[in-house]
Amino acid sequence: MRIIGFSISSLRANTSDKKAYEYSTKLREYSNRVEYEQIIGKQIGKLLLKSSFPINSVTKDKYNTCCNIIIVLHKYMEEEVNAYQEEILKESDKMVRYRVERIPTRTLWK
């Protein structure tokens, strides 16, 4: 489905505004539908980026966008996301740790 590829491409470029939040919300909604799981599974790794985490210049839209991205990433590639998150947290301050650790990934998919 083209909207999934477009959403992922858009989110690679921008996670900061209202439009990014809308794309991430749609992506998260699609990730809960069986017919899109394989499509998302093949492309979601492209979003395993530092910009997908709520690190710098965090607004409400950016935080919510990052939450949606990380939740979807976690569903499809839990081990990779956890390892990447640990690397980010090693070099982060307490506020970044707090924001990242509040994202409810651990219980959503089990």
PDB file of N, CA and C in Angstrom:
ATOM      1  N   MET A   1       0.842  -1.179   0.000  1.00  0.00           N
ATOM      2  CA  MET A   1       0.000   0.000   0.000  1.00  0.00           C
ATOM      3  C   MET A   1       0.889   1.245   0.000  1.00  0.00           C
ATOM      4  N   ARG A   2       0.597   2.139  -0.878  1.00  0.00           N
ATOM      5  CA  ARG A   2       1.437   3.321  -1.068  1.00  0.00           C
ATOM      6  C   ARG A   2       1.474   4.246   0.141  1.00  0.00           C
ATOM      7  N   ILE A   3       0.369   4.358   0.837  1.00  0.00           N
ATOM      8  CA  ILE A   3       0.316   5.284   1.977  1.00  0.00           C
ATOM      9  C   ILE A   3       1.310   4.881   3.061  1.00  0.00           C
ATOM     10  N   ILE A   4       1.549   3.601   3.215  1.00  0.00           N
ATOM     11  CA  ILE A   4       2.506   3.140   4.227  1.00  0.00           C
ATOM     12  C   ILE A   4       3.921   3.572   3.846  1.00  0.00           C
ATOM     13  N   GLY A   5       4.307   3.321   2.590  1.00  0.00           N
ATOM     14  CA  GLY A   5       5.629   3.741   2.121  1.00  0.00           C
ATOM     15  C   GLY A   5       5.801   5.246   2.195  1.00  0.00           C
ATOM     16  N   PHE A   6       4.754   5.975   1.812  1.00  0.00           N
ATOM     17  CA  PHE A   6       4.810   7.437   1.867  1.00  0.00           C
ATOM     18  C   PHE A   6       4.934   7.924   3.310  1.00  0.00           C
ATOM     19  N   SER A   7       4.172   7.319   4.201  1.00  0.00           N
ATOM     20  CA  SER A   7       4.234   7.709   5.616  1.00  0.00           C
ATOM     21  C   SER A   7       5.619   7.466   6.191  1.00  0.00           C
ATOM     22  N   ILE A   8       6.194   6.318   5.897  1.00  0.00           N
ATOM     23  CA  ILE A   8       7.528   6.005   6.409  1.00  0.00           C
ATOM     24  C   ILE A   8       8.561   6.964   5.844  1.00  0.00           C
ATOM     25  N   SER A   9       8.482   7.254   4.545  1.00  0.00           N
ATOM     26  CA  SER A   9       9.410   8.218   3.936  1.00  0.00           C
ATOM     27  C   SER A   9       9.268   9.596   4.568  1.00  0.00           C
ATOM     28  N   SER A  10       8.047  10.020   4.777  1.00  0.00           N
ATOM     29  CA  SER A  10       7.798  11.327   5.382  1.00  0.00           C
ATOM     30  C   SER A  10       8.325  11.383   6.807  1.00  0.00           C
ATOM     31  N   LEU A  11       8.139  10.306   7.563  1.00  0.00           N
ATOM     32  CA  LEU A  11       8.594  10.274   8.949  1.00  0.00           C
ATOM     33  C   LEU A  11      10.116  10.183   9.051  1.00  0.00           C
ATOM     34  N   ARG A  12      10.765   9.621   8.048  1.00  0.00           N
ATOM     35  CA  ARG A  12      12.245   9.633   8.028  1.00  0.00           C
ATOM     36  C   ARG A  12      12.755  11.063   7.915  1.00  0.00           C
ATOM     37  N   ALA A  13      12.003  11.881   7.202  1.00  0.00           N
ATOM     38  CA  ALA A  13      12.427  13.270   6.966  1.00  0.00           C
ATOM     39  C   ALA A  13      12.003  14.222   8.079  1.00  0.00           C
ATOM     40  N   ASN A  14      10.883  13.925   8.742  1.00  0.00           N
ATOM     41  CA  ASN A  14      10.335  14.878   9.713  1.00  0.00           C
ATOM     42  C   ASN A  14       9.495  14.161  10.764  1.00  0.00           C
ATOM     43  N   THR A  15       9.804  14.431  12.030  1.00  0.00           N
ATOM     44  CA  THR A  15       8.992  13.893  13.130  1.00  0.00           C
ATOM     45  C   THR A  15       8.472  15.006  14.035  1.00  0.00           C
ATOM     46  N   SER A  16       8.531  16.231  13.558  1.00  0.00           N
ATOM     47  CA  SER A  16       8.307  17.361  14.461  1.00  0.00           C
ATOM     48  C   SER A  16       6.965  18.061  14.402  1.00  0.00           C
ATOM     49  N   ASP A  17       6.206  17.906  13.354  1.00  0.00           N
ATOM     50  CA  ASP A  17       5.009  18.728  13.235  1.00  0.00           C
ATOM     51  C   ASP A  17       3.709  17.906  13.270  1.00  0.00           C
ATOM     52  N   LYS A  18       2.615  18.605  13.130  1.00  0.00           N
ATOM     53  CA  LYS A  18       1.289  17.991  13.197  1.00  0.00           C
ATOM     54  C   LYS A  18       1.103  16.945  12.091  1.00  0.00           C
ATOM     55  N   LYS A  19       1.617  17.217  10.905  1.00  0.00           N
ATOM     56  CA  LYS A  19       1.492  16.286   9.786  1.00  0.00           C
ATOM     57  C   LYS A  19       2.227  14.984  10.096  1.00  0.00           C
ATOM     58  N   ALA A  20       3.404  15.095  10.687  1.00  0.00           N
ATOM     59  CA  ALA A  20       4.162  13.901  11.074  1.00  0.00           C
ATOM     60  C   ALA A  20       3.371  13.088  12.096  1.00  0.00           C
ATOM     61  N   TYR A  21       2.741  13.773  13.020  1.00  0.00           N
ATOM     62  CA  TYR A  21       1.911  13.078  14.013  1.00  0.00           C
ATOM     63  C   TYR A  21       0.769  12.334  13.320  1.00  0.00           C
ATOM     64  N   GLU A  22       0.154  12.962  12.343  1.00  0.00           N
ATOM     65  CA  GLU A  22      -0.936  12.309  11.608  1.00  0.00           C
ATOM     66  C   GLU A  22      -0.434  11.061  10.873  1.00  0.00           C
ATOM     67  N   TYR A  23       0.729  11.168  10.214  1.00  0.00           N
ATOM     68  CA  TYR A  23       1.296  10.014   9.515  1.00  0.00           C
ATOM     69  C   TYR A  23       1.627   8.889  10.491  1.00  0.00           C
ATOM     70  N   SER A  24       2.198   9.242  11.637  1.00  0.00           N
ATOM     71  CA  SER A  24       2.571   8.214  12.613  1.00  0.00           C
ATOM     72  C   SER A  24       1.339   7.546  13.216  1.00  0.00           C
ATOM     73  N   THR A  25       0.280   8.313  13.390  1.00  0.00           N
ATOM     74  CA  THR A  25      -0.964   7.743  13.917  1.00  0.00           C
ATOM     75  C   THR A  25      -1.556   6.756  12.918  1.00  0.00           C
ATOM     76  N   LYS A  26      -1.570   7.127  11.653  1.00  0.00           N
ATOM     77  CA  LYS A  26      -2.071   6.226  10.613  1.00  0.00           C
ATOM     78  C   LYS A  26      -1.223   4.963  10.552  1.00  0.00           C
ATOM     79  N   LEU A  27       0.085   5.121  10.618  1.00  0.00           N
ATOM     80  CA  LEU A  27       0.977   3.966  10.580  1.00  0.00           C
ATOM     81  C   LEU A  27       0.700   3.032  11.758  1.00  0.00           C
ATOM     82  N   ARG A  28       0.505   3.605  12.917  1.00  0.00           N
ATOM     83  CA  ARG A  28       0.201   2.788  14.096  1.00  0.00           C
ATOM     84  C   ARG A  28      -1.144   2.078  13.929  1.00  0.00           C
ATOM     85  N   GLU A  29      -2.136   2.774  13.388  1.00  0.00           N
ATOM     86  CA  GLU A  29      -3.440   2.151  13.138  1.00  0.00           C
ATOM     87  C   GLU A  29      -3.307   1.000  12.144  1.00  0.00           C
ATOM     88  N   TYR A  30      -2.572   1.229  11.056  1.00  0.00           N
ATOM     89  CA  TYR A  30      -2.379   0.176  10.061  1.00  0.00           C
ATOM     90  C   TYR A  30      -1.627  -1.013  10.641  1.00  0.00           C
ATOM     91  N   SER A  31      -0.731  -0.777  11.574  1.00  0.00           N
ATOM     92  CA  SER A  31       0.057  -1.872  12.149  1.00  0.00           C
ATOM     93  C   SER A  31      -0.815  -2.841  12.946  1.00  0.00           C
ATOM     94  N   ASN A  32      -2.010  -2.417  13.295  1.00  0.00           N
ATOM     95  CA  ASN A  32      -2.932  -3.283  14.028  1.00  0.00           C
ATOM     96  C   ASN A  32      -3.864  -4.069  13.106  1.00  0.00           C
ATOM     97  N   ARG A  33      -3.675  -3.909  11.810  1.00  0.00           N
ATOM     98  CA  ARG A  33      -4.517  -4.607  10.839  1.00  0.00           C
ATOM     99  C   ARG A  33      -3.706  -5.700  10.158  1.00  0.00           C
ATOM    100  N   VAL A  34      -4.218  -6.905  10.206  1.00  0.00           N
ATOM    101  CA  VAL A  34      -3.513  -8.079   9.692  1.00  0.00           C
ATOM    102  C   VAL A  34      -3.090  -7.907   8.235  1.00  0.00           C
ATOM    103  N   GLU A  35      -3.935  -7.301   7.440  1.00  0.00           N
ATOM    104  CA  GLU A  35      -3.636  -7.186   6.009  1.00  0.00           C
ATOM    105  C   GLU A  35      -2.440  -6.285   5.698  1.00  0.00           C
ATOM    106  N   TYR A  36      -1.994  -5.478   6.665  1.00  0.00           N
ATOM    107  CA  TYR A  36      -0.866  -4.578   6.432  1.00  0.00           C
ATOM    108  C   TYR A  36       0.403  -4.988   7.171  1.00  0.00           C
ATOM    109  N   GLU A  37       0.324  -6.020   7.988  1.00  0.00           N
ATOM    110  CA  GLU A  37       1.472  -6.398   8.809  1.00  0.00           C
ATOM    111  C   GLU A  37       2.714  -6.703   7.987  1.00  0.00           C
ATOM    112  N   GLN A  38       2.563  -7.442   6.911  1.00  0.00           N
ATOM    113  CA  GLN A  38       3.720  -7.819   6.104  1.00  0.00           C
ATOM    114  C   GLN A  38       4.333  -6.603   5.410  1.00  0.00           C
ATOM    115  N   ILE A  39       3.507  -5.725   4.894  1.00  0.00           N
ATOM    116  CA  ILE A  39       3.999  -4.512   4.223  1.00  0.00           C
ATOM    117  C   ILE A  39       4.780  -3.647   5.202  1.00  0.00           C
ATOM    118  N   ILE A  40       4.196  -3.427   6.370  1.00  0.00           N
ATOM    119  CA  ILE A  40       4.868  -2.603   7.380  1.00  0.00           C
ATOM    120  C   ILE A  40       6.140  -3.285   7.865  1.00  0.00           C
ATOM    121  N   GLY A  41       6.071  -4.590   8.094  1.00  0.00           N
ATOM    122  CA  GLY A  41       7.226  -5.337   8.574  1.00  0.00           C
ATOM    123  C   GLY A  41       8.441  -5.207   7.676  1.00  0.00           C
ATOM    124  N   LYS A  42       8.222  -5.123   6.357  1.00  0.00           N
ATOM    125  CA  LYS A  42       9.328  -5.002   5.405  1.00  0.00           C
ATOM    126  C   LYS A  42       9.952  -3.615   5.398  1.00  0.00           C
ATOM    127  N   GLN A  43       9.190  -2.593   5.791  1.00  0.00           N
ATOM    128  CA  GLN A  43       9.669  -1.215   5.654  1.00  0.00           C
ATOM    129  C   GLN A  43       9.967  -0.494   6.960  1.00  0.00           C
ATOM    130  N   ILE A  44       9.448  -0.986   8.060  1.00  0.00           N
ATOM    131  CA  ILE A  44       9.503  -0.234   9.315  1.00  0.00           C
ATOM    132  C   ILE A  44      10.926  -0.018   9.823  1.00  0.00           C
ATOM    133  N   GLY A  45      11.848  -0.900   9.478  1.00  0.00           N
ATOM    134  CA  GLY A  45      13.237  -0.751   9.920  1.00  0.00           C
ATOM    135  C   GLY A  45      13.884   0.553   9.463  1.00  0.00           C
ATOM    136  N   LYS A  46      13.329   1.146   8.416  1.00  0.00           N
ATOM    137  CA  LYS A  46      13.846   2.427   7.930  1.00  0.00           C
ATOM    138  C   LYS A  46      13.663   3.541   8.959  1.00  0.00           C
ATOM    139  N   LEU A  47      12.784   3.318   9.924  1.00  0.00           N
ATOM    140  CA  LEU A  47      12.528   4.341  10.948  1.00  0.00           C
ATOM    141  C   LEU A  47      13.322   4.122  12.236  1.00  0.00           C
ATOM    142  N   LEU A  48      14.204   3.138  12.242  1.00  0.00           N
ATOM    143  CA  LEU A  48      15.041   2.940  13.425  1.00  0.00           C
ATOM    144  C   LEU A  48      16.186   3.952  13.358  1.00  0.00           C
ATOM    145  N   LEU A  49      15.840   5.184  13.699  1.00  0.00           N
ATOM    146  CA  LEU A  49      16.732   6.332  13.619  1.00  0.00           C
ATOM    147  C   LEU A  49      16.701   7.094  14.939  1.00  0.00           C
ATOM    148  N   LYS A  50      17.741   7.826  15.190  1.00  0.00           N
ATOM    149  CA  LYS A  50      17.780   8.661  16.391  1.00  0.00           C
ATOM    150  C   LYS A  50      16.638   9.679  16.379  1.00  0.00           C
ATOM    151  N   SER A  51      16.279  10.173  15.196  1.00  0.00           N
ATOM    152  CA  SER A  51      15.194  11.160  15.088  1.00  0.00           C
ATOM    153  C   SER A  51      13.825  10.579  15.424  1.00  0.00           C
ATOM    154  N   SER A  52      13.728   9.258  15.505  1.00  0.00           N
ATOM    155  CA  SER A  52      12.460   8.620  15.869  1.00  0.00           C
ATOM    156  C   SER A  52      12.252   8.565  17.383  1.00  0.00           C
ATOM    157  N   PHE A  53      13.236   9.011  18.134  1.00  0.00           N
ATOM    158  CA  PHE A  53      13.154   9.023  19.591  1.00  0.00           C
ATOM    159  C   PHE A  53      12.986  10.465  20.077  1.00  0.00           C
ATOM    160  N   PRO A  54      12.262  10.660  21.177  1.00  0.00           N
ATOM    161  CA  PRO A  54      12.022  12.023  21.691  1.00  0.00           C
ATOM    162  C   PRO A  54      13.246  12.585  22.399  1.00  0.00           C
ATOM    163  N   ILE A  55      14.183  13.102  21.610  1.00  0.00           N
ATOM    164  CA  ILE A  55      15.458  13.533  22.166  1.00  0.00           C
ATOM    165  C   ILE A  55      15.623  15.046  22.144  1.00  0.00           C
ATOM    166  N   ASN A  56      15.662  15.641  20.971  1.00  0.00           N
ATOM    167  CA  ASN A  56      15.964  17.066  20.843  1.00  0.00           C
ATOM    168  C   ASN A  56      14.733  17.884  20.477  1.00  0.00           C
ATOM    169  N   SER A  57      14.638  19.074  21.048  1.00  0.00           N
ATOM    170  CA  SER A  57      13.552  20.012  20.731  1.00  0.00           C
ATOM    171  C   SER A  57      12.193  19.321  20.709  1.00  0.00           C
ATOM    172  N   VAL A  58      11.822  18.753  21.811  1.00  0.00           N
ATOM    173  CA  VAL A  58      10.614  17.938  21.875  1.00  0.00           C
ATOM    174  C   VAL A  58       9.383  18.805  22.157  1.00  0.00           C
ATOM    175  N   THR A  59       8.460  18.768  21.222  1.00  0.00           N
ATOM    176  CA  THR A  59       7.154  19.402  21.387  1.00  0.00           C
ATOM    177  C   THR A  59       6.147  18.282  21.641  1.00  0.00           C
ATOM    178  N   LYS A  60       4.935  18.656  21.911  1.00  0.00           N
ATOM    179  CA  LYS A  60       3.892  17.647  22.121  1.00  0.00           C
ATOM    180  C   LYS A  60       3.713  16.782  20.869  1.00  0.00           C
ATOM    181  N   ASP A  61       3.676  17.415  19.693  1.00  0.00           N
ATOM    182  CA  ASP A  61       3.524  16.656  18.450  1.00  0.00           C
ATOM    183  C   ASP A  61       4.706  15.716  18.214  1.00  0.00           C
ATOM    184  N   LYS A  62       5.917  16.219  18.447  1.00  0.00           N
ATOM    185  CA  LYS A  62       7.097  15.368  18.250  1.00  0.00           C
ATOM    186  C   LYS A  62       7.083  14.198  19.219  1.00  0.00           C
ATOM    187  N   TYR A  63       6.763  14.442  20.476  1.00  0.00           N
ATOM    188  CA  TYR A  63       6.740  13.352  21.446  1.00  0.00           C
ATOM    189  C   TYR A  63       5.714  12.291  21.050  1.00  0.00           C
ATOM    190  N   ASN A  64       4.518  12.721  20.694  1.00  0.00           N
ATOM    191  CA  ASN A  64       3.476  11.770  20.304  1.00  0.00           C
ATOM    192  C   ASN A  64       3.828  11.037  19.021  1.00  0.00           C
ATOM    193  N   THR A  65       4.454  11.736  18.078  1.00  0.00           N
ATOM    194  CA  THR A  65       4.908  11.100  16.845  1.00  0.00           C
ATOM    195  C   THR A  65       5.944  10.025  17.164  1.00  0.00           C
ATOM    196  N   CYS A  66       6.914  10.371  17.992  1.00  0.00           N
ATOM    197  CA  CYS A  66       7.953   9.414  18.372  1.00  0.00           C
ATOM    198  C   CYS A  66       7.367   8.215  19.107  1.00  0.00           C
ATOM    199  N   CYS A  67       6.415   8.455  19.972  1.00  0.00           N
ATOM    200  CA  CYS A  67       5.757   7.343  20.670  1.00  0.00           C
ATOM    201  C   CYS A  67       5.132   6.382  19.674  1.00  0.00           C
ATOM    202  N   ASN A  68       4.397   6.916  18.717  1.00  0.00           N
ATOM    203  CA  ASN A  68       3.762   6.055  17.716  1.00  0.00           C
ATOM    204  C   ASN A  68       4.803   5.266  16.926  1.00  0.00           C
ATOM    205  N   ILE A  69       5.858   5.927  16.495  1.00  0.00           N
ATOM    206  CA  ILE A  69       6.902   5.258  15.718  1.00  0.00           C
ATOM    207  C   ILE A  69       7.547   4.143  16.542  1.00  0.00           C
ATOM    208  N   ILE A  70       7.919   4.452  17.771  1.00  0.00           N
ATOM    209  CA  ILE A  70       8.608   3.462  18.602  1.00  0.00           C
ATOM    210  C   ILE A  70       7.699   2.288  18.929  1.00  0.00           C
ATOM    211  N   ILE A  71       6.445   2.545  19.152  1.00  0.00           N
ATOM    212  CA  ILE A  71       5.502   1.456  19.431  1.00  0.00           C
ATOM    213  C   ILE A  71       5.400   0.518  18.229  1.00  0.00           C
ATOM    214  N   VAL A  72       5.320   1.079  17.038  1.00  0.00           N
ATOM    215  CA  VAL A  72       5.250   0.238  15.832  1.00  0.00           C
ATOM    216  C   VAL A  72       6.584  -0.481  15.616  1.00  0.00           C
ATOM    217  N   LEU A  73       7.695   0.229  15.752  1.00  0.00           N
ATOM    218  CA  LEU A  73       9.001  -0.415  15.629  1.00  0.00           C
ATOM    219  C   LEU A  73       9.126  -1.574  16.611  1.00  0.00           C
ATOM    220  N   HIS A  74       8.714  -1.338  17.826  1.00  0.00           N
ATOM    221  CA  HIS A  74       8.831  -2.342  18.873  1.00  0.00           C
ATOM    222  C   HIS A  74       8.016  -3.587  18.542  1.00  0.00           C
ATOM    223  N   LYS A  75       6.892  -3.399  17.906  1.00  0.00           N
ATOM    224  CA  LYS A  75       6.042  -4.534  17.536  1.00  0.00           C
ATOM    225  C   LYS A  75       6.751  -5.448  16.535  1.00  0.00           C
ATOM    226  N   TYR A  76       7.484  -4.868  15.596  1.00  0.00           N
ATOM    227  CA  TYR A  76       8.085  -5.633  14.517  1.00  0.00           C
ATOM    228  C   TYR A  76       9.538  -6.027  14.752  1.00  0.00           C
ATOM    229  N   MET A  77      10.246  -5.290  15.564  1.00  0.00           N
ATOM    230  CA  MET A  77      11.669  -5.568  15.757  1.00  0.00           C
ATOM    231  C   MET A  77      12.101  -5.213  17.178  1.00  0.00           C
ATOM    232  N   GLU A  78      11.524  -5.889  18.119  1.00  0.00           N
ATOM    233  CA  GLU A  78      11.705  -5.580  19.537  1.00  0.00           C
ATOM    234  C   GLU A  78      13.169  -5.571  19.974  1.00  0.00           C
ATOM    235  N   GLU A  79      13.919  -6.591  19.634  1.00  0.00           N
ATOM    236  CA  GLU A  79      15.306  -6.684  20.095  1.00  0.00           C
ATOM    237  C   GLU A  79      16.165  -5.547  19.554  1.00  0.00           C
ATOM    238  N   GLU A  80      16.000  -5.246  18.272  1.00  0.00           N
ATOM    239  CA  GLU A  80      16.783  -4.175  17.654  1.00  0.00           C
ATOM    240  C   GLU A  80      16.451  -2.817  18.275  1.00  0.00           C
ATOM    241  N   VAL A  81      15.168  -2.593  18.519  1.00  0.00           N
ATOM    242  CA  VAL A  81      14.733  -1.325  19.118  1.00  0.00           C
ATOM    243  C   VAL A  81      15.281  -1.200  20.530  1.00  0.00           C
ATOM    244  N   ASN A  82      15.184  -2.264  21.307  1.00  0.00           N
ATOM    245  CA  ASN A  82      15.705  -2.223  22.679  1.00  0.00           C
ATOM    246  C   ASN A  82      17.202  -1.950  22.700  1.00  0.00           C
ATOM    247  N   ALA A  83      17.952  -2.591  21.805  1.00  0.00           N
ATOM    248  CA  ALA A  83      19.403  -2.378  21.747  1.00  0.00           C
ATOM    249  C   ALA A  83      19.720  -0.939  21.331  1.00  0.00           C
ATOM    250  N   TYR A  84      19.020  -0.442  20.329  1.00  0.00           N
ATOM    251  CA  TYR A  84      19.244   0.926  19.858  1.00  0.00           C
ATOM    252  C   TYR A  84      18.871   1.937  20.945  1.00  0.00           C
ATOM    253  N   GLN A  85      17.770   1.672  21.615  1.00  0.00           N
ATOM    254  CA  GLN A  85      17.320   2.548  22.699  1.00  0.00           C
ATOM    255  C   GLN A  85      18.352   2.589  23.816  1.00  0.00           C
ATOM    256  N   GLU A  86      18.921   1.460  24.158  1.00  0.00           N
ATOM    257  CA  GLU A  86      19.949   1.420  25.198  1.00  0.00           C
ATOM    258  C   GLU A  86      21.158   2.266  24.812  1.00  0.00           C
ATOM    259  N   GLU A  87      21.549   2.199  23.553  1.00  0.00           N
ATOM    260  CA  GLU A  87      22.670   3.021  23.071  1.00  0.00           C
ATOM    261  C   GLU A  87      22.344   4.508  23.200  1.00  0.00           C
ATOM    262  N   ILE A  88      21.144   4.883  22.819  1.00  0.00           N
ATOM    263  CA  ILE A  88      20.729   6.281  22.923  1.00  0.00           C
ATOM    264  C   ILE A  88      20.716   6.726  24.387  1.00  0.00           C
ATOM    265  N   LEU A  89      20.197   5.890  25.259  1.00  0.00           N
ATOM    266  CA  LEU A  89      20.091   6.257  26.672  1.00  0.00           C
ATOM    267  C   LEU A  89      21.458   6.399  27.340  1.00  0.00           C
ATOM    268  N   LYS A  90      22.453   5.681  26.859  1.00  0.00           N
ATOM    269  CA  LYS A  90      23.804   5.782  27.424  1.00  0.00           C
ATOM    270  C   LYS A  90      24.365   7.190  27.282  1.00  0.00           C
ATOM    271  N   GLU A  91      24.015   7.852  26.196  1.00  0.00           N
ATOM    272  CA  GLU A  91      24.570   9.180  25.939  1.00  0.00           C
ATOM    273  C   GLU A  91      23.562  10.297  26.189  1.00  0.00           C
ATOM    274  N   SER A  92      22.486   9.996  26.885  1.00  0.00           N
ATOM    275  CA  SER A  92      21.416  10.975  27.084  1.00  0.00           C
ATOM    276  C   SER A  92      21.360  11.480  28.518  1.00  0.00           C
ATOM    277  N   ASP A  93      20.734  12.641  28.669  1.00  0.00           N
ATOM    278  CA  ASP A  93      20.536  13.181  30.007  1.00  0.00           C
ATOM    279  C   ASP A  93      19.281  12.583  30.645  1.00  0.00           C
ATOM    280  N   LYS A  94      19.013  12.969  31.872  1.00  0.00           N
ATOM    281  CA  LYS A  94      17.889  12.392  32.618  1.00  0.00           C
ATOM    282  C   LYS A  94      16.534  12.677  31.977  1.00  0.00           C
ATOM    283  N   MET A  95      16.370  13.843  31.383  1.00  0.00           N
ATOM    284  CA  MET A  95      15.094  14.188  30.768  1.00  0.00           C
ATOM    285  C   MET A  95      14.813  13.295  29.562  1.00  0.00           C
ATOM    286  N   VAL A  96      15.811  13.056  28.752  1.00  0.00           N
ATOM    287  CA  VAL A  96      15.634  12.162  27.601  1.00  0.00           C
ATOM    288  C   VAL A  96      15.302  10.761  28.082  1.00  0.00           C
ATOM    289  N   ARG A  97      16.024  10.284  29.081  1.00  0.00           N
ATOM    290  CA  ARG A  97      15.740   8.949  29.644  1.00  0.00           C
ATOM    291  C   ARG A  97      14.292   8.867  30.124  1.00  0.00           C
ATOM    292  N   TYR A  98      13.869   9.887  30.829  1.00  0.00           N
ATOM    293  CA  TYR A  98      12.499   9.918  31.342  1.00  0.00           C
ATOM    294  C   TYR A  98      11.486   9.833  30.201  1.00  0.00           C
ATOM    295  N   ARG A  99      11.660  10.636  29.167  1.00  0.00           N
ATOM    296  CA  ARG A  99      10.719  10.634  28.041  1.00  0.00           C
ATOM    297  C   ARG A  99      10.701   9.292  27.325  1.00  0.00           C
ATOM    298  N   VAL A 100      11.877   8.729  27.074  1.00  0.00           N
ATOM    299  CA  VAL A 100      11.963   7.462  26.349  1.00  0.00           C
ATOM    300  C   VAL A 100      11.400   6.316  27.180  1.00  0.00           C
ATOM    301  N   GLU A 101      11.722   6.303  28.456  1.00  0.00           N
ATOM    302  CA  GLU A 101      11.267   5.206  29.306  1.00  0.00           C
ATOM    303  C   GLU A 101       9.761   5.239  29.576  1.00  0.00           C
ATOM    304  N   ARG A 102       9.121   6.381  29.343  1.00  0.00           N
ATOM    305  CA  ARG A 102       7.667   6.486  29.532  1.00  0.00           C
ATOM    306  C   ARG A 102       6.867   5.905  28.364  1.00  0.00           C
ATOM    307  N   ILE A 103       7.509   5.640  27.243  1.00  0.00           N
ATOM    308  CA  ILE A 103       6.809   5.100  26.081  1.00  0.00           C
ATOM    309  C   ILE A 103       6.402   3.662  26.400  1.00  0.00           C
ATOM    310  N   PRO A 104       5.127   3.365  26.324  1.00  0.00           N
ATOM    311  CA  PRO A 104       4.608   2.070  26.799  1.00  0.00           C
ATOM    312  C   PRO A 104       4.797   0.924  25.809  1.00  0.00           C
ATOM    313  N   THR A 105       6.031   0.579  25.459  1.00  0.00           N
ATOM    314  CA  THR A 105       6.255  -0.484  24.480  1.00  0.00           C
ATOM    315  C   THR A 105       6.278  -1.865  25.103  1.00  0.00           C
ATOM    316  N   ARG A 106       6.699  -1.956  26.298  1.00  0.00           N
ATOM    317  CA  ARG A 106       6.951  -3.270  26.898  1.00  0.00           C
ATOM    318  C   ARG A 106       5.696  -4.135  27.073  1.00  0.00           C
ATOM    319  N   THR A 107       4.538  -3.525  27.253  1.00  0.00           N
ATOM    320  CA  THR A 107       3.349  -4.320  27.538  1.00  0.00           C
ATOM    321  C   THR A 107       2.347  -4.368  26.399  1.00  0.00           C
ATOM    322  N   LEU A 108       2.503  -3.558  25.377  1.00  0.00           N
ATOM    323  CA  LEU A 108       1.495  -3.472  24.332  1.00  0.00           C
ATOM    324  C   LEU A 108       1.365  -4.717  23.473  1.00  0.00           C
ATOM    325  N   TRP A 109       2.463  -5.389  23.210  1.00  0.00           N
ATOM    326  CA  TRP A 109       2.428  -6.463  22.215  1.00  0.00           C
ATOM    327  C   TRP A 109       2.515  -7.841  22.830  1.00  0.00           C
ATOM    328  N   LYS A 110       2.524  -7.940  24.131  1.00  0.00           N
ATOM    329  CA  LYS A 110       2.686  -9.262  24.770  1.00  0.00           C
ATOM    330  C   LYS A 110       1.367  -9.850  25.162  1.00  0.00           C
TER     331      LYS A 110
END
